[in-house]
Protein backbone atom coordinates (compact mmCIF):
# COMPACT_ATOMS: atom_id res chain seq x y z
CA MET A 1 100.25 104.99 93.41
CA ARG A 2 103.26 103.16 93.52
CA GLN A 3 103.98 100.01 91.83
CA ALA A 4 106.62 96.91 91.34
CA LYS A 5 107.07 94.01 89.49
CA VAL A 6 106.95 91.24 91.10
CA LEU A 7 109.69 88.26 89.61
CA TYR A 8 109.88 84.48 89.93
CA ARG A 9 113.40 83.95 89.10
CA GLU A 10 113.41 85.76 85.40
CA TYR A 11 109.28 85.75 85.20
CA LEU A 12 107.06 88.28 85.44
CA ALA A 13 104.93 87.11 88.25
CA GLY A 14 102.76 90.12 88.70
CA ILE A 15 102.53 93.55 89.41
CA LEU A 16 102.05 94.70 93.19
CA THR A 17 100.19 98.16 93.69
CA GLU A 18 100.03 100.60 96.40
CA THR A 19 96.92 102.63 95.79
CA ASP A 20 96.94 106.40 96.82
CA GLU A 21 94.42 105.19 99.16
CA GLY A 22 96.74 102.96 101.45
CA GLN A 23 94.98 99.77 99.70
CA PHE A 24 97.28 96.94 97.95
CA ILE A 25 96.56 94.72 95.16
CA PHE A 26 98.43 91.86 94.27
CA GLN A 27 97.56 91.34 89.91
CA TYR A 28 98.90 87.71 88.51
CA ASP A 29 100.15 88.61 85.09
CA GLU A 30 98.18 87.20 82.63
CA GLU A 31 100.93 85.15 80.60
CA TYR A 32 102.32 83.99 84.11
CA VAL A 33 98.64 82.68 84.77
CA THR A 34 98.54 80.54 81.15
CA GLU A 35 102.11 79.58 81.26
CA PHE A 36 102.73 78.42 84.81
CA PRO A 37 99.17 77.70 86.52
CA ASN A 38 100.58 75.56 89.60
CA ARG A 39 104.01 78.39 90.21
CA PHE A 40 102.67 80.07 93.02
CA LEU A 41 104.25 82.69 95.01
CA THR A 42 102.57 81.60 98.66
CA PHE A 43 100.25 78.68 98.98
CA SER A 44 97.89 81.71 100.32
CA MET A 45 97.79 82.92 96.83
CA PRO A 46 97.45 80.70 94.48
CA VAL A 47 97.80 81.73 90.72
CA ARG A 48 94.42 82.98 89.81
CA PRO A 49 93.60 85.15 86.83
CA GLN A 50 91.43 87.67 89.75
CA PRO A 51 93.41 90.09 91.79
CA TYR A 52 94.24 90.17 95.13
CA ILE A 53 93.08 92.86 96.94
CA ASP A 54 93.55 94.09 100.86
CA LYS A 55 93.93 96.83 102.92
CA ASN A 56 97.55 96.18 104.70
CA LEU A 57 100.73 94.73 102.72
CA PHE A 58 99.96 90.91 102.01
CA SER A 59 102.02 88.74 104.43
CA PHE A 60 103.97 86.76 101.75
CA PHE A 61 105.71 90.39 100.90
CA GLU A 62 106.09 91.56 104.80
CA GLY A 63 108.31 88.39 105.06
CA LEU A 64 110.61 89.42 102.27
CA ILE A 65 111.07 93.07 104.26
CA PRO A 66 114.08 92.48 106.45
CA GLU A 67 113.44 92.83 110.81
CA GLY A 68 115.45 93.90 113.98
CA TRP A 69 118.86 95.64 113.02
CA LEU A 70 118.85 94.86 109.30
CA LEU A 71 115.46 96.94 109.15
CA ASN A 72 117.39 99.85 110.99
CA ILE A 73 120.02 99.97 108.55
CA ALA A 74 117.80 100.11 105.59
CA SER A 75 115.11 102.85 106.87
CA GLN A 76 118.06 105.12 107.41
CA ASN A 77 119.99 104.12 104.48
CA TRP A 78 117.41 104.97 102.17
CA LYS A 79 115.69 107.78 104.74
CA LEU A 80 112.37 105.40 104.92
CA ASN A 81 109.55 105.60 107.49
CA PRO A 82 109.80 101.93 108.72
CA ARG A 83 106.24 101.61 108.36
CA ASP A 84 106.52 102.36 104.83
CA ARG A 85 105.82 98.63 104.10
CA MET A 86 106.16 99.30 100.29
CA GLY A 87 108.51 101.82 100.22
CA LEU A 88 111.07 99.23 102.33
CA LEU A 89 109.97 96.21 100.33
CA MET A 90 110.66 97.90 96.69
CA ALA A 91 114.34 98.87 98.23
CA CYS A 92 115.39 96.21 99.88
CA CYS A 93 114.20 93.53 98.03
CA GLN A 94 114.93 93.81 94.48
CA ASN A 95 117.55 90.98 94.91
CA CYS A 96 115.73 88.67 97.48
CA ILE A 97 117.62 85.47 98.57
CA GLY A 98 115.65 83.08 96.65
CA ALA A 99 113.22 82.99 93.59
CA ILE A 100 111.32 85.97 94.32
CA SER A 101 112.45 89.76 93.16
CA VAL A 102 110.38 93.02 93.87
CA VAL A 103 111.61 95.90 91.16
CA PRO A 104 109.95 99.30 91.54
CA ILE A 105 108.20 100.40 88.44
CA PRO A 106 109.20 104.16 87.84
CA GLN A 107 106.20 106.61 88.46
CA GLU A 108 105.30 109.34 85.77
CA ASP A 109 105.33 112.46 86.15
CA ASP A 110 102.06 114.20 85.93
CA ASN A 111 103.36 117.03 83.67
């Protein structure tokens, strides 16, 4: 399982999770839902307390990932498969242009 914090400016908007089964879950942060009910990330994902669940990475997050020659540079630089959309999102989108940042949450060791 991989997770990332999704920040809207400096506020924690929610957590994006890729499960071990390959499912994607985006859950708005409870405090964000209360304080910013109208500050959605995208029209297709309005602020709500229920999680968004899909078998594919949500199109909003797909749109943050570089394309073309920049995708080639990113995947080679971080040694990521171009099909590893969550990996690319976490590697490339920590300092996006605009209000959204995606910051990886370190995985804990099972030991």
